[in-house]
Amino acid sequence: MRYFPSAAARRAAAGCLCAGALLASAAQAARTEAVAGYPSKPVRFIVPFVAGAGTDTTGRVVAAKLSELWGQQVVVDNRAGATGVIGVDLTAKAPPDGYTICLISGSQTVYSAVNSKLPYDLAKDLKGITQMTTLPYAVYVNNAVPATSIREMIAYAKTNPGKLNFSSSGTGGLQHLAGELFAHMANVKMTHVPFKGAGAGILAILSGEVQVGFSTLLGVKPHVASGRLRVLAITAGKRTPTAPEYPTVAETVPGYEVDQWYGLVITAEAPPALVNKINASVVAALKSPDVIARLGADGSTPVGSSAEAFSNHIKSEILKWRKLAKEANLALQ
């Protein structure tokens, strides 16, 4: 027997639908109003590294400018530990109201590519706001290496297998994989020697314990000026305006590119309108002459990409490092 609802039942169902539609409409109106009035209170700007690090310096420069633009305090919260995992995880699990944002670096895509035990999925649980800067590494050697160019270093490595070691700030980090990517693409053998921090790696190269390094220009600049270290190239895809005198690795090894970029992320649950509003403010901050000058002093060049472009960049970087780990058979965990 077919059931035909009574008129009263039909009226009740229609009433429920109308009430549901009104509630949904009210919720949407509330979200729209919240975005329009954002920010109406201080914003937490998580930097998942120690105070004084490059990420911290960049974060504080941008946070200070956002405070000016918004008329609200943007509070830098250093949540160091577990190579940035603690701060990023806090952001992934934060309310989607825009009052918790987080600075990440290119290193986070490496950790996501090689570590299957992270408490979050960087590409799914977080959403890109914008890539703030680009910061290439320098490929440098000590005076014991008879090479003045990448081409000469590759030739030396091929005729002297096992003679070149390269340093990094730790196994599984961006410096480590920058060296592994170079060796893989140039088809040379170099031995990785990890240290506790980039500074310790530079000291090891100065002492002759290690011969090759991948680090920021700022970190090696004093030793280059004194003639104790020699920069052969930078790892950017094209020559950088902050150091136009240096060629790129890609000019000798086509396709090679490593970028220690910095960017902002937010929980993936944040509404697109809110993400785009934050993006517009950060991009405006990055165009300020004082911000450009301050970041340039550290070797960084402002970018200011769209939220969608940065989210896609994060995904492509994870795939890039995962592919390298598989092809080069790297044991990173």
Foldseek 3Di string as FASTA:
>chain_A
DDDDDDPVVVVVVVVVVVVVVVVVVVVVVVLVVLLVLPPPEEAEEEEQADQPDPSNLLSVLLQVLLCVVNVYHHDYDHNYDPQSLVLVVCQLPDPQSRRYKYKDWLFVLLCLLQPPPRPDRPLAFKFFLWFWWWFWWFKKWFPVQPDQAPVSNLVCQVVPPPPAEEEDLDFSGLFVVLVLVCCVLSVGDYHYDYDNGPLVRVVCRLVVVGTIGIGTCVSCVVVVVVVGMHTHAIQALAQDPLCNVGGHVCVVRPPGHGIGTMGMMGTPPHDPSSSQVVLVSSLVSSPDPVSQVSCSVRRIHTDSDHRVVVSVVSVVSSVVSNVSCVVSVDDRD
